[in-house]
Amino acid sequence: MNRAGTGLRLAWGASSHRGVRRLLNEDSFLADRSVFFVADGMGGHDAGEVASAAAIDALRPLGELTTVSPEDVRGRLVVAQDDVRAISTEPGRGAGTTVTGVVVAQMEGMPYWLVVNIGDSRTYQMSRGTLEQLSVDHSEVQEMVDAGTLTATEAVTHPRRHVVTRAVGASLPPEPDFCWIPIESRDRMLVCSDGLTGELSDERITEILLAQPDPQVAADHLVNEAIVAGGRDNITVVVVDATGAWEDTSDGSTTPRDTTGHTDDDTLPRELHLQRRDRS
């Protein structure tokens, strides 16, 4: 792929596992050309996995566009919302899914990462050896952290840590966060479900990303270590490298990597959590 004449080249790897405690893998991912997303489904058997797959399928056409704008992403998320809302579920188990990731976009003729987020799955950037979380968790515990009533350490084990405040498939239309990050050569982007970040600290994730230069090996290593650490949830990881943001490429193609691929409490939209609490 050649974006805006920059000769941008990407390499990527992806890995997903149901974890140790879950019977099904309700995560889905998309890693293709210029579009990289992870979706973490919720709603139980025959709902969560269908919801995440529906959202990813709705986002897939973005990879066919020459350039991608936030409006393009919003349009596909509307399709995802309609598709997830149409899923038949058990009473009180409405389907939903988080969505987070990056697409390659451009601004003023230069390549940018367009970061997209709904829910508590995460997108990180590693640049110059430093890992930074770009997405903001849409969760009740993050709201408490922002309000100063809870520390980040306390949030990791808080009983409401699985309650998200935004999701594709919730009663309200999806409200994605967007941010624009200039692409630099040797950038590494990490897109993951909370099955990774619930098991491994940012410090350990950084160590693995720095130690494993191949993105597929890095993705596999992260998933495997999360399983060893407990594997209490589904774990999905996509690692994307900008291998030459300003290199001249003769064939204009992207370099892909081939991909194959119960916490004790389920992730829930807040509205469903409140409904369950009221019934109890």
Protein backbone atom coordinates (compact mmCIF):
# COMPACT_ATOMS: atom_id res chain seq x y z
CA MET A 1 0.00 0.00 0.00
CA ASN A 2 1.28 3.51 -0.85
CA ARG A 3 -0.45 6.18 1.18
CA ALA A 4 -0.22 9.78 0.02
CA GLY A 5 3.00 9.13 -1.86
CA THR A 6 4.91 8.32 1.31
CA GLY A 7 5.79 4.74 0.46
CA LEU A 8 4.32 3.62 3.78
CA ARG A 9 4.80 -0.07 4.43
CA LEU A 10 3.18 -2.07 7.20
CA ALA A 11 3.82 -5.47 8.73
CA TRP A 12 1.46 -7.09 11.18
CA GLY A 13 0.62 -10.17 13.20
CA ALA A 14 -2.46 -11.28 15.11
CA SER A 15 -3.30 -13.96 17.65
CA SER A 16 -6.46 -14.91 19.55
CA HIS A 17 -7.29 -17.53 22.19
CA ARG A 18 -10.37 -18.33 24.25
CA GLY A 19 -8.29 -18.41 27.44
CA VAL A 20 -8.35 -20.99 30.21
CA ARG A 21 -11.78 -20.43 31.77
CA ARG A 22 -14.02 -19.54 28.82
CA LEU A 23 -15.69 -22.19 26.68
CA LEU A 24 -16.01 -19.88 23.68
CA ASN A 25 -13.90 -17.16 22.16
CA GLU A 26 -16.17 -14.13 21.92
CA ASP A 27 -13.39 -11.93 20.50
CA SER A 28 -12.98 -11.17 16.79
CA PHE A 29 -10.32 -9.23 14.94
CA LEU A 30 -9.59 -7.65 11.58
CA ALA A 31 -6.03 -7.23 10.31
CA ASP A 32 -5.96 -6.50 6.60
CA ARG A 33 -4.19 -3.93 4.41
CA SER A 34 -4.76 -0.67 6.32
CA VAL A 35 -7.46 -1.65 8.83
CA PHE A 36 -6.80 -3.18 12.25
CA PHE A 37 -9.55 -3.77 14.80
CA VAL A 38 -10.36 -5.94 17.82
CA ALA A 39 -13.92 -6.53 19.04
CA ASP A 40 -14.76 -8.13 22.39
CA GLY A 41 -18.31 -9.50 22.35
CA MET A 42 -20.72 -9.70 25.24
CA GLY A 43 -24.08 -11.34 25.72
CA GLY A 44 -23.22 -14.94 26.48
CA HIS A 45 -23.40 -18.07 24.35
CA ASP A 46 -24.41 -17.49 20.73
CA ALA A 47 -24.49 -13.73 21.27
CA GLY A 48 -21.07 -12.36 22.17
CA GLU A 49 -19.18 -14.18 19.45
CA VAL A 50 -21.86 -13.29 16.89
CA ALA A 51 -21.84 -9.63 17.97
CA SER A 52 -18.08 -9.22 17.68
CA ALA A 53 -18.03 -11.00 14.31
CA ALA A 54 -20.87 -8.80 13.04
CA ALA A 55 -19.02 -5.63 14.05
CA ILE A 56 -15.81 -6.78 12.38
CA ASP A 57 -17.69 -7.72 9.20
CA ALA A 58 -19.28 -4.27 9.14
CA LEU A 59 -15.86 -2.62 9.40
CA ARG A 60 -14.20 -4.82 6.78
CA PRO A 61 -15.14 -2.63 3.74
CA LEU A 62 -12.98 0.18 5.13
CA GLY A 63 -9.96 -1.75 3.85
CA GLU A 64 -11.15 -1.24 0.27
CA LEU A 65 -11.15 2.57 0.50
CA THR A 66 -8.29 4.64 -0.90
CA THR A 67 -8.53 7.00 2.06
CA VAL A 68 -10.49 6.60 5.28
CA SER A 69 -12.14 9.41 7.24
CA PRO A 70 -13.89 9.45 10.61
CA GLU A 71 -17.16 9.79 8.70
CA ASP A 72 -16.40 6.54 6.87
CA VAL A 73 -15.80 4.79 10.19
CA ARG A 74 -18.96 6.26 11.72
CA GLY A 75 -20.98 5.00 8.78
CA ARG A 76 -19.68 1.46 9.17
CA LEU A 77 -20.29 1.57 12.92
CA VAL A 78 -23.94 2.47 12.24
CA VAL A 79 -24.13 -0.70 10.13
CA ALA A 80 -22.48 -2.63 12.96
CA GLN A 81 -24.96 -1.21 15.47
CA ASP A 82 -27.94 -2.30 13.36
CA ASP A 83 -26.48 -5.76 12.79
CA VAL A 84 -25.71 -6.34 16.47
CA ARG A 85 -29.10 -5.04 17.59
CA ALA A 86 -30.74 -7.56 15.24
CA ILE A 87 -29.10 -10.54 17.00
CA SER A 88 -31.59 -12.73 18.84
CA THR A 89 -30.59 -13.32 22.47
CA GLU A 90 -31.93 -14.77 25.68
CA PRO A 91 -34.06 -12.37 27.76
CA GLY A 92 -31.84 -9.92 29.60
CA ARG A 93 -28.78 -10.93 27.57
CA GLY A 94 -28.70 -8.33 24.82
CA ALA A 95 -25.75 -8.70 22.48
CA GLY A 96 -23.05 -6.07 22.36
CA THR A 97 -19.39 -5.62 21.60
CA THR A 98 -16.48 -3.31 22.16
CA VAL A 99 -14.54 -2.08 19.13
CA THR A 100 -11.08 -0.56 19.09
CA GLY A 101 -8.29 -0.22 16.58
CA VAL A 102 -6.54 1.89 13.99
CA VAL A 103 -6.87 2.60 10.30
CA VAL A 104 -4.29 4.27 8.09
CA ALA A 105 -5.63 7.67 7.07
CA GLN A 106 -4.13 10.91 5.87
CA MET A 107 -4.19 14.55 6.84
CA GLU A 108 -2.73 17.28 4.64
CA GLY A 109 -1.12 14.64 2.48
CA MET A 110 0.68 12.85 5.32
CA PRO A 111 -0.07 9.39 6.76
CA TYR A 112 -1.73 9.19 10.16
CA TRP A 113 -3.02 6.52 12.48
CA LEU A 114 -6.73 7.14 13.00
CA VAL A 115 -7.46 5.56 16.37
CA VAL A 116 -11.04 4.43 17.02
CA ASN A 117 -12.51 3.25 20.31
CA ILE A 118 -15.83 2.16 21.82
CA GLY A 119 -15.67 0.25 25.12
CA ASP A 120 -12.76 -1.00 27.21
CA SER A 121 -10.62 -2.85 24.68
CA ARG A 122 -7.44 -0.87 24.10
CA THR A 123 -5.17 0.60 21.46
CA TYR A 124 -1.57 1.46 22.31
CA GLN A 125 1.34 3.04 20.45
CA MET A 126 4.94 2.11 21.01
CA SER A 127 7.19 4.87 19.73
CA ARG A 128 10.90 5.31 20.51
CA GLY A 129 10.69 2.50 23.05
CA THR A 130 7.80 3.96 25.05
CA LEU A 131 4.33 2.40 25.25
CA GLU A 132 1.35 4.78 25.49
CA GLN A 133 -2.33 3.94 25.76
CA LEU A 134 -4.11 5.99 23.09
CA SER A 135 -7.67 4.83 23.71
CA VAL A 136 -9.62 5.79 26.83
CA ASP A 137 -11.57 3.01 28.53
CA HIS A 138 -15.32 3.54 28.40
CA SER A 139 -15.96 1.86 31.73
CA GLU A 140 -17.40 2.66 35.13
CA VAL A 141 -14.05 2.18 36.85
CA GLN A 142 -12.37 4.60 34.44
CA GLU A 143 -15.04 7.17 35.28
CA MET A 144 -14.22 6.66 38.97
CA VAL A 145 -10.49 6.97 38.28
CA ASP A 146 -11.11 10.20 36.35
CA ALA A 147 -13.22 11.52 39.23
CA GLY A 148 -10.45 10.73 41.72
CA THR A 149 -12.54 8.26 43.74
CA LEU A 150 -10.55 5.22 42.64
CA THR A 151 -6.89 4.63 41.86
CA ALA A 152 -5.72 2.88 38.71
CA THR A 153 -4.41 0.03 40.87
CA GLU A 154 -7.75 -0.36 42.65
CA ALA A 155 -9.56 -0.35 39.30
CA VAL A 156 -7.85 -3.60 38.27
CA THR A 157 -9.72 -5.61 40.92
CA HIS A 158 -12.83 -3.47 41.43
CA PRO A 159 -16.08 -5.53 41.30
CA ARG A 160 -17.53 -3.25 38.58
CA ARG A 161 -14.46 -3.38 36.36
CA HIS A 162 -16.36 -5.30 33.66
CA VAL A 163 -19.14 -2.72 33.27
CA VAL A 164 -18.64 -0.68 30.11
CA THR A 165 -20.36 2.64 29.47
CA ARG A 166 -20.31 2.43 25.68
CA ALA A 167 -20.78 -0.56 23.37
CA VAL A 168 -21.86 -1.34 19.84
CA GLY A 169 -25.33 -2.83 20.24
CA ALA A 170 -26.35 -0.80 23.30
CA SER A 171 -29.64 1.09 23.22
CA LEU A 172 -27.90 4.38 22.41
CA PRO A 173 -26.11 4.80 19.07
CA PRO A 174 -22.36 4.14 19.24
CA GLU A 175 -20.23 7.15 20.13
CA PRO A 176 -16.67 6.38 19.04
CA ASP A 177 -13.65 8.29 20.26
CA PHE A 178 -11.21 9.31 17.51
CA CYS A 179 -7.67 10.58 17.68
CA TRP A 180 -5.09 11.32 15.00
CA ILE A 181 -1.45 10.25 15.47
CA PRO A 182 1.23 11.00 12.82
CA ILE A 183 2.82 7.79 11.57
CA GLU A 184 6.55 7.56 12.11
CA SER A 185 8.90 4.91 10.83
CA ARG A 186 9.27 2.08 13.35
CA ASP A 187 6.00 2.88 15.11
CA ARG A 188 4.42 -0.20 16.64
CA MET A 189 0.67 -0.26 17.34
CA LEU A 190 -0.95 -2.73 19.73
CA VAL A 191 -4.71 -3.42 19.57
CA CYS A 192 -6.04 -5.83 22.19
CA SER A 193 -9.00 -7.05 24.18
CA ASP A 194 -9.00 -6.70 27.95
CA GLY A 195 -8.08 -10.36 28.27
CA LEU A 196 -4.51 -9.18 27.68
CA THR A 197 -4.45 -6.09 29.85
CA GLY A 198 -6.30 -7.88 32.65
CA GLU A 199 -3.40 -10.34 32.95
CA LEU A 200 -0.27 -8.38 32.00
CA SER A 201 0.92 -5.00 33.21
CA ASP A 202 1.84 -2.29 30.72
CA GLU A 203 5.44 -2.73 31.86
CA ARG A 204 5.44 -6.42 30.94
CA ILE A 205 3.69 -5.74 27.64
CA THR A 206 6.40 -3.18 26.85
CA GLU A 207 9.15 -5.68 27.61
CA ILE A 208 7.66 -8.25 25.24
CA LEU A 209 7.08 -5.75 22.42
CA LEU A 210 10.66 -4.54 22.70
CA ALA A 211 12.09 -8.07 22.83
CA GLN A 212 10.17 -9.45 19.83
CA PRO A 213 10.83 -7.55 16.58
CA ASP A 214 8.56 -9.75 14.45
CA PRO A 215 4.93 -8.63 14.92
CA GLN A 216 3.48 -12.14 14.63
CA VAL A 217 5.94 -13.52 17.17
CA ALA A 218 5.15 -10.56 19.46
CA ALA A 219 1.39 -11.18 19.19
CA ASP A 220 1.79 -14.90 19.89
CA HIS A 221 4.09 -14.23 22.83
CA LEU A 222 1.69 -11.74 24.41
CA VAL A 223 -1.24 -14.14 24.14
CA ASN A 224 0.75 -17.09 25.47
CA GLU A 225 2.02 -15.14 28.44
CA ALA A 226 -1.49 -13.90 29.27
CA ILE A 227 -2.65 -17.53 29.27
CA VAL A 228 0.15 -18.51 31.64
CA ALA A 229 -0.70 -15.54 33.87
CA GLY A 230 -4.24 -16.86 34.33
CA GLY A 231 -6.07 -16.65 31.02
CA ARG A 232 -9.32 -15.70 32.74
CA ASP A 233 -10.83 -14.08 29.64
CA ASN A 234 -10.61 -14.33 25.87
CA ILE A 235 -7.33 -12.82 24.67
CA THR A 236 -6.85 -11.15 21.30
CA VAL A 237 -3.83 -9.17 20.13
CA VAL A 238 -3.01 -7.38 16.88
CA VAL A 239 0.48 -5.87 16.45
CA VAL A 240 1.10 -3.48 13.54
CA ASP A 241 4.51 -2.08 12.55
CA ALA A 242 5.22 0.89 10.32
CA THR A 243 8.37 -0.48 8.74
CA GLY A 244 9.10 2.40 6.39
CA ALA A 245 6.90 5.48 6.63
CA TRP A 246 9.09 7.41 4.20
CA GLU A 247 10.71 4.64 2.22
CA ASP A 248 10.24 4.49 -1.55
CA THR A 249 8.35 1.33 -2.52
CA SER A 250 8.27 0.14 -6.07
CA ASP A 251 5.22 -2.12 -5.91
CA GLY A 252 3.04 0.04 -3.65
CA SER A 253 1.95 -2.98 -1.62
CA THR A 254 1.62 -3.57 2.08
CA THR A 255 3.67 -6.34 3.66
CA PRO A 256 1.26 -8.60 5.58
CA ARG A 257 1.82 -11.30 8.10
CA ASP A 258 -0.18 -14.49 7.78
CA THR A 259 -2.68 -14.84 10.64
CA THR A 260 -4.57 -17.83 11.91
CA GLY A 261 -6.23 -17.70 14.20
CA HIS A 262 -14.74 -17.26 32.15
CA THR A 263 -13.21 -14.04 33.61
CA ASP A 264 -15.26 -14.69 36.68
CA ASP A 265 -17.58 -11.90 35.45
CA ASP A 266 -18.74 -11.10 31.94
CA THR A 267 -18.29 -7.68 30.42
CA LEU A 268 -21.65 -5.90 30.31
CA PRO A 269 -23.02 -2.60 29.04
CA ARG A 270 -24.01 -0.48 32.02
CA GLU A 271 -27.70 -0.55 31.08
CA LEU A 272 -27.79 -4.36 31.32
CA HIS A 273 -25.83 -4.35 34.54
CA LEU A 274 -28.43 -2.04 36.08
CA GLN A 275 -31.29 -4.21 34.82
CA ARG A 276 -29.75 -7.31 36.42
CA ARG A 277 -29.14 -5.50 39.69
CA ASP A 278 -32.76 -4.28 39.82
CA ARG A 279 -34.10 -7.81 39.20
CA SER A 280 -31.98 -9.19 42.02
